[in-house]
PDB file of N, CA and C in Angstrom:
ATOM      1  N   MET A   1      -6.047 -62.982 -43.548  1.00  0.00           N
ATOM      2  CA  MET A   1      -7.469 -62.954 -44.079  1.00  0.00           C
ATOM      3  C   MET A   1      -7.582 -61.792 -42.964  1.00  0.00           C
ATOM      4  N   ALA A   2      -8.113 -61.300 -44.024  1.00  0.00           N
ATOM      5  CA  ALA A   2      -8.549 -60.031 -42.552  1.00  0.00           C
ATOM      6  C   ALA A   2     -10.204 -60.679 -42.614  1.00  0.00           C
ATOM      7  N   VAL A   3     -10.808 -59.825 -41.155  1.00  0.00           N
ATOM      8  CA  VAL A   3     -12.189 -60.297 -40.791  1.00  0.00           C
ATOM      9  C   VAL A   3     -12.632 -58.580 -40.571  1.00  0.00           C
ATOM     10  N   ILE A   4     -13.969 -58.414 -41.402  1.00  0.00           N
ATOM     11  CA  ILE A   4     -14.650 -56.796 -40.560  1.00  0.00           C
ATOM     12  C   ILE A   4     -15.809 -57.388 -40.080  1.00  0.00           C
ATOM     13  N   LYS A   5     -16.067 -56.610 -38.745  1.00  0.00           N
ATOM     14  CA  LYS A   5     -16.849 -56.949 -37.944  1.00  0.00           C
ATOM     15  C   LYS A   5     -17.847 -55.486 -38.022  1.00  0.00           C
ATOM     16  N   THR A   6     -18.758 -55.696 -38.378  1.00  0.00           N
ATOM     17  CA  THR A   6     -19.705 -54.344 -37.844  1.00  0.00           C
ATOM     18  C   THR A   6     -20.572 -54.292 -36.395  1.00  0.00           C
ATOM     19  N   ILE A   7     -20.886 -52.898 -36.110  1.00  0.00           N
ATOM     20  CA  ILE A   7     -21.448 -52.626 -35.395  1.00  0.00           C
ATOM     21  C   ILE A   7     -22.879 -52.005 -35.476  1.00  0.00           C
ATOM     22  N   ASP A   8     -24.233 -51.760 -35.023  1.00  0.00           N
ATOM     23  CA  ASP A   8     -25.126 -50.924 -35.131  1.00  0.00           C
ATOM     24  C   ASP A   8     -26.023 -49.987 -34.354  1.00  0.00           C
ATOM     25  N   LEU A   9     -25.215 -48.509 -34.225  1.00  0.00           N
ATOM     26  CA  LEU A   9     -25.249 -47.535 -33.629  1.00  0.00           C
ATOM     27  C   LEU A   9     -26.429 -46.622 -34.500  1.00  0.00           C
ATOM     28  N   VAL A  10     -27.219 -45.603 -33.262  1.00  0.00           N
ATOM     29  CA  VAL A  10     -28.111 -44.404 -33.413  1.00  0.00           C
ATOM     30  C   VAL A  10     -26.981 -42.933 -32.489  1.00  0.00           C
ATOM     31  N   GLY A  11     -27.074 -42.391 -33.556  1.00  0.00           N
ATOM     32  CA  GLY A  11     -26.868 -41.564 -33.007  1.00  0.00           C
ATOM     33  C   GLY A  11     -28.244 -40.309 -33.356  1.00  0.00           C
ATOM     34  N   VAL A  12     -27.508 -39.366 -32.403  1.00  0.00           N
ATOM     35  CA  VAL A  12     -28.660 -38.435 -32.065  1.00  0.00           C
ATOM     36  C   VAL A  12     -28.492 -36.906 -31.674  1.00  0.00           C
ATOM     37  N   SER A  13     -28.395 -36.095 -32.211  1.00  0.00           N
ATOM     38  CA  SER A  13     -28.517 -34.655 -32.580  1.00  0.00           C
ATOM     39  C   SER A  13     -29.934 -33.611 -32.134  1.00  0.00           C
ATOM     40  N   THR A  14     -29.570 -32.421 -32.036  1.00  0.00           N
ATOM     41  CA  THR A  14     -30.606 -31.462 -32.159  1.00  0.00           C
ATOM     42  C   THR A  14     -29.734 -30.916 -33.095  1.00  0.00           C
ATOM     43  N   GLU A  15     -29.222 -31.054 -34.010  1.00  0.00           N
ATOM     44  CA  GLU A  15     -28.751 -29.956 -35.008  1.00  0.00           C
ATOM     45  C   GLU A  15     -28.744 -30.886 -36.529  1.00  0.00           C
ATOM     46  N   SER A  16     -28.152 -32.308 -36.515  1.00  0.00           N
ATOM     47  CA  SER A  16     -28.471 -32.590 -37.764  1.00  0.00           C
ATOM     48  C   SER A  16     -28.602 -33.872 -37.859  1.00  0.00           C
ATOM     49  N   TRP A  17     -29.095 -34.447 -39.490  1.00  0.00           N
ATOM     50  CA  TRP A  17     -28.646 -35.754 -39.413  1.00  0.00           C
ATOM     51  C   TRP A  17     -27.522 -36.268 -39.566  1.00  0.00           C
ATOM     52  N   ARG A  18     -26.765 -35.686 -40.108  1.00  0.00           N
ATOM     53  CA  ARG A  18     -25.356 -35.562 -40.541  1.00  0.00           C
ATOM     54  C   ARG A  18     -24.132 -35.501 -39.202  1.00  0.00           C
ATOM     55  N   ASP A  19     -24.857 -34.036 -37.938  1.00  0.00           N
ATOM     56  CA  ASP A  19     -24.422 -34.115 -36.735  1.00  0.00           C
ATOM     57  C   ASP A  19     -24.790 -35.552 -35.769  1.00  0.00           C
ATOM     58  N   ALA A  20     -26.173 -36.225 -36.176  1.00  0.00           N
ATOM     59  CA  ALA A  20     -26.234 -37.530 -35.588  1.00  0.00           C
ATOM     60  C   ALA A  20     -25.344 -37.895 -35.834  1.00  0.00           C
ATOM     61  N   ALA A  21     -25.067 -38.459 -36.806  1.00  0.00           N
ATOM     62  CA  ALA A  21     -24.422 -39.736 -37.338  1.00  0.00           C
ATOM     63  C   ALA A  21     -22.787 -39.669 -37.316  1.00  0.00           C
ATOM     64  N   GLN A  22     -22.118 -38.210 -37.786  1.00  0.00           N
ATOM     65  CA  GLN A  22     -20.814 -38.217 -36.566  1.00  0.00           C
ATOM     66  C   GLN A  22     -20.991 -37.979 -35.569  1.00  0.00           C
ATOM     67  N   LYS A  23     -21.785 -38.070 -34.194  1.00  0.00           N
ATOM     68  CA  LYS A  23     -21.388 -38.127 -32.650  1.00  0.00           C
ATOM     69  C   LYS A  23     -21.705 -39.476 -32.544  1.00  0.00           C
ATOM     70  N   ALA A  24     -22.715 -40.267 -33.202  1.00  0.00           N
ATOM     71  CA  ALA A  24     -22.355 -41.767 -33.297  1.00  0.00           C
ATOM     72  C   ALA A  24     -20.947 -42.502 -33.711  1.00  0.00           C
ATOM     73  N   LEU A  25     -20.378 -41.891 -34.674  1.00  0.00           N
ATOM     74  CA  LEU A  25     -19.181 -42.296 -35.180  1.00  0.00           C
ATOM     75  C   LEU A  25     -17.801 -42.019 -34.050  1.00  0.00           C
ATOM     76  N   GLU A  26     -17.797 -40.548 -33.090  1.00  0.00           N
ATOM     77  CA  GLU A  26     -17.059 -40.150 -32.437  1.00  0.00           C
ATOM     78  C   GLU A  26     -17.147 -41.289 -31.283  1.00  0.00           C
ATOM     79  N   GLU A  27     -18.255 -40.952 -30.902  1.00  0.00           N
ATOM     80  CA  GLU A  27     -18.643 -42.665 -29.579  1.00  0.00           C
ATOM     81  C   GLU A  27     -17.603 -43.874 -29.942  1.00  0.00           C
ATOM     82  N   ALA A  28     -18.351 -44.348 -31.136  1.00  0.00           N
ATOM     83  CA  ALA A  28     -17.568 -45.560 -31.705  1.00  0.00           C
ATOM     84  C   ALA A  28     -16.018 -45.527 -31.319  1.00  0.00           C
ATOM     85  N   SER A  29     -15.724 -44.601 -31.825  1.00  0.00           N
ATOM     86  CA  SER A  29     -13.559 -44.412 -32.086  1.00  0.00           C
ATOM     87  C   SER A  29     -13.193 -44.455 -30.427  1.00  0.00           C
ATOM     88  N   LYS A  30     -13.681 -44.206 -29.448  1.00  0.00           N
ATOM     89  CA  LYS A  30     -13.371 -44.442 -28.078  1.00  0.00           C
ATOM     90  C   LYS A  30     -13.037 -45.379 -27.974  1.00  0.00           C
ATOM     91  N   THR A  31     -13.455 -46.512 -28.707  1.00  0.00           N
ATOM     92  CA  THR A  31     -13.207 -47.999 -27.592  1.00  0.00           C
ATOM     93  C   THR A  31     -12.851 -48.988 -28.607  1.00  0.00           C
ATOM     94  N   LEU A  32     -13.539 -48.303 -30.473  1.00  0.00           N
ATOM     95  CA  LEU A  32     -12.896 -49.680 -31.555  1.00  0.00           C
ATOM     96  C   LEU A  32     -11.888 -49.014 -31.857  1.00  0.00           C
ATOM     97  N   ARG A  33     -11.055 -49.649 -32.533  1.00  0.00           N
ATOM     98  CA  ARG A  33      -9.864 -49.163 -33.826  1.00  0.00           C
ATOM     99  C   ARG A  33     -10.239 -49.708 -34.664  1.00  0.00           C
ATOM    100  N   GLY A  34      -9.780 -49.371 -35.731  1.00  0.00           N
ATOM    101  CA  GLY A  34      -9.134 -49.561 -37.248  1.00  0.00           C
ATOM    102  C   GLY A  34     -10.937 -49.547 -37.521  1.00  0.00           C
ATOM    103  N   VAL A  35     -11.429 -48.800 -37.546  1.00  0.00           N
ATOM    104  CA  VAL A  35     -12.855 -48.427 -37.600  1.00  0.00           C
ATOM    105  C   VAL A  35     -12.529 -47.721 -39.686  1.00  0.00           C
ATOM    106  N   GLU A  36     -13.154 -48.304 -40.347  1.00  0.00           N
ATOM    107  CA  GLU A  36     -13.081 -48.111 -41.997  1.00  0.00           C
ATOM    108  C   GLU A  36     -14.213 -47.727 -42.903  1.00  0.00           C
ATOM    109  N   GLY A  37     -14.997 -47.266 -42.222  1.00  0.00           N
ATOM    110  CA  GLY A  37     -16.445 -46.569 -42.733  1.00  0.00           C
ATOM    111  C   GLY A  37     -17.786 -47.201 -42.200  1.00  0.00           C
ATOM    112  N   PHE A  38     -18.819 -46.710 -42.600  1.00  0.00           N
ATOM    113  CA  PHE A  38     -20.126 -46.948 -42.172  1.00  0.00           C
ATOM    114  C   PHE A  38     -21.123 -46.638 -43.557  1.00  0.00           C
ATOM    115  N   ASN A  39     -22.096 -47.186 -43.108  1.00  0.00           N
ATOM    116  CA  ASN A  39     -23.216 -46.720 -43.862  1.00  0.00           C
ATOM    117  C   ASN A  39     -23.892 -46.799 -43.351  1.00  0.00           C
ATOM    118  N   VAL A  40     -25.457 -45.673 -43.974  1.00  0.00           N
ATOM    119  CA  VAL A  40     -26.226 -44.932 -43.198  1.00  0.00           C
ATOM    120  C   VAL A  40     -27.696 -45.742 -43.045  1.00  0.00           C
ATOM    121  N   LEU A  41     -28.015 -46.579 -42.369  1.00  0.00           N
ATOM    122  CA  LEU A  41     -29.233 -47.400 -42.296  1.00  0.00           C
ATOM    123  C   LEU A  41     -30.429 -46.822 -42.644  1.00  0.00           C
ATOM    124  N   ASP A  42     -30.724 -45.667 -41.744  1.00  0.00           N
ATOM    125  CA  ASP A  42     -32.056 -44.851 -41.638  1.00  0.00           C
ATOM    126  C   ASP A  42     -31.958 -43.897 -40.997  1.00  0.00           C
ATOM    127  N   THR A  43     -32.771 -42.913 -41.336  1.00  0.00           N
ATOM    128  CA  THR A  43     -32.750 -41.648 -40.596  1.00  0.00           C
ATOM    129  C   THR A  43     -34.220 -40.977 -40.510  1.00  0.00           C
ATOM    130  N   SER A  44     -34.008 -40.359 -38.909  1.00  0.00           N
ATOM    131  CA  SER A  44     -35.856 -40.284 -38.461  1.00  0.00           C
ATOM    132  C   SER A  44     -35.577 -39.066 -37.463  1.00  0.00           C
ATOM    133  N   ALA A  45     -36.818 -38.551 -36.924  1.00  0.00           N
ATOM    134  CA  ALA A  45     -36.783 -37.572 -36.259  1.00  0.00           C
ATOM    135  C   ALA A  45     -37.827 -37.246 -34.828  1.00  0.00           C
ATOM    136  N   VAL A  46     -37.461 -36.124 -33.904  1.00  0.00           N
ATOM    137  CA  VAL A  46     -38.693 -36.625 -32.927  1.00  0.00           C
ATOM    138  C   VAL A  46     -39.350 -35.423 -33.234  1.00  0.00           C
ATOM    139  N   VAL A  47     -40.570 -35.448 -32.848  1.00  0.00           N
ATOM    140  CA  VAL A  47     -41.234 -34.070 -33.445  1.00  0.00           C
ATOM    141  C   VAL A  47     -41.668 -33.567 -31.723  1.00  0.00           C
ATOM    142  N   GLU A  48     -41.491 -32.420 -31.940  1.00  0.00           N
ATOM    143  CA  GLU A  48     -42.135 -31.644 -30.549  1.00  0.00           C
ATOM    144  C   GLU A  48     -43.158 -29.778 -31.260  1.00  0.00           C
ATOM    145  N   ASP A  49     -44.656 -30.071 -31.254  1.00  0.00           N
ATOM    146  CA  ASP A  49     -44.986 -28.806 -31.313  1.00  0.00           C
ATOM    147  C   ASP A  49     -44.675 -28.651 -32.597  1.00  0.00           C
ATOM    148  N   GLY A  50     -44.983 -29.373 -33.502  1.00  0.00           N
ATOM    149  CA  GLY A  50     -44.881 -29.116 -35.083  1.00  0.00           C
ATOM    150  C   GLY A  50     -43.426 -29.000 -35.781  1.00  0.00           C
ATOM    151  N   GLN A  51     -42.329 -29.250 -34.484  1.00  0.00           N
ATOM    152  CA  GLN A  51     -40.810 -28.779 -34.765  1.00  0.00           C
ATOM    153  C   GLN A  51     -39.404 -30.115 -34.577  1.00  0.00           C
ATOM    154  N   ILE A  52     -39.216 -30.649 -35.231  1.00  0.00           N
ATOM    155  CA  ILE A  52     -38.119 -31.289 -34.959  1.00  0.00           C
ATOM    156  C   ILE A  52     -37.599 -31.113 -33.397  1.00  0.00           C
ATOM    157  N   SER A  53     -37.897 -32.192 -32.780  1.00  0.00           N
ATOM    158  CA  SER A  53     -36.892 -31.416 -31.454  1.00  0.00           C
ATOM    159  C   SER A  53     -35.453 -32.323 -31.453  1.00  0.00           C
ATOM    160  N   GLU A  54     -35.250 -33.831 -32.309  1.00  0.00           N
ATOM    161  CA  GLU A  54     -34.162 -34.376 -32.030  1.00  0.00           C
ATOM    162  C   GLU A  54     -33.653 -34.924 -33.656  1.00  0.00           C
ATOM    163  N   TYR A  55     -32.837 -35.155 -34.010  1.00  0.00           N
ATOM    164  CA  TYR A  55     -32.193 -35.427 -35.226  1.00  0.00           C
ATOM    165  C   TYR A  55     -31.508 -36.949 -34.759  1.00  0.00           C
ATOM    166  N   HIS A  56     -32.264 -38.192 -35.594  1.00  0.00           N
ATOM    167  CA  HIS A  56     -31.624 -39.734 -35.048  1.00  0.00           C
ATOM    168  C   HIS A  56     -30.970 -40.444 -36.852  1.00  0.00           C
ATOM    169  N   THR A  57     -29.958 -40.902 -36.165  1.00  0.00           N
ATOM    170  CA  THR A  57     -29.484 -41.684 -37.400  1.00  0.00           C
ATOM    171  C   THR A  57     -28.966 -42.546 -36.841  1.00  0.00           C
ATOM    172  N   HIS A  58     -29.503 -43.895 -37.725  1.00  0.00           N
ATOM    173  CA  HIS A  58     -29.334 -45.251 -37.591  1.00  0.00           C
ATOM    174  C   HIS A  58     -27.977 -45.748 -38.363  1.00  0.00           C
ATOM    175  N   ILE A  59     -26.611 -45.968 -38.040  1.00  0.00           N
ATOM    176  CA  ILE A  59     -25.686 -46.655 -38.439  1.00  0.00           C
ATOM    177  C   ILE A  59     -25.180 -47.763 -38.554  1.00  0.00           C
ATOM    178  N   ARG A  60     -24.339 -48.043 -39.683  1.00  0.00           N
ATOM    179  CA  ARG A  60     -23.575 -49.805 -39.484  1.00  0.00           C
ATOM    180  C   ARG A  60     -22.145 -49.473 -39.735  1.00  0.00           C
ATOM    181  N   ILE A  61     -21.346 -49.147 -38.033  1.00  0.00           N
ATOM    182  CA  ILE A  61     -19.294 -49.497 -38.297  1.00  0.00           C
ATOM    183  C   ILE A  61     -19.138 -50.340 -38.435  1.00  0.00           C
ATOM    184  N   LYS A  62     -17.881 -50.478 -39.663  1.00  0.00           N
ATOM    185  CA  LYS A  62     -17.713 -51.631 -40.106  1.00  0.00           C
ATOM    186  C   LYS A  62     -15.766 -50.628 -39.299  1.00  0.00           C
ATOM    187  N   PHE A  63     -15.121 -52.291 -39.102  1.00  0.00           N
ATOM    188  CA  PHE A  63     -14.212 -52.412 -38.326  1.00  0.00           C
ATOM    189  C   PHE A  63     -13.036 -52.995 -38.791  1.00  0.00           C
ATOM    190  N   ARG A  64     -12.045 -53.791 -38.782  1.00  0.00           N
ATOM    191  CA  ARG A  64     -10.864 -54.640 -38.666  1.00  0.00           C
ATOM    192  C   ARG A  64     -10.634 -55.647 -36.921  1.00  0.00           C
ATOM    193  N   ILE A  65     -10.698 -56.885 -36.938  1.00  0.00           N
ATOM    194  CA  ILE A  65     -10.706 -57.448 -36.186  1.00  0.00           C
ATOM    195  C   ILE A  65      -9.276 -57.735 -36.045  1.00  0.00           C
ATOM    196  N   ALA A  66      -8.656 -56.796 -35.057  1.00  0.00           N
ATOM    197  CA  ALA A  66      -7.145 -57.326 -35.081  1.00  0.00           C
ATOM    198  C   ALA A  66      -6.321 -58.098 -34.281  1.00  0.00           C
ATOM    199  N   ARG A  67      -5.783 -59.173 -34.799  1.00  0.00           N
ATOM    200  CA  ARG A  67      -5.522 -60.445 -33.976  1.00  0.00           C
ATOM    201  C   ARG A  67      -3.967 -59.960 -33.468  1.00  0.00           C
TER     202      ARG A  67
END
């Protein structure tokens, strides 16, 4: 029987929401094994002087619990 666990992370980028998601995945992959995918839960941005200064992507990463 398999068990899948999830964790939520928010990636931050100055480039794009996609890059923010990629950065969150890369960081999680440093310590998690068996990552199977993720869902994008939310996107947001920080605005300074009328311009986007940071993109934030909230993701839920799914990975299998190893026995």
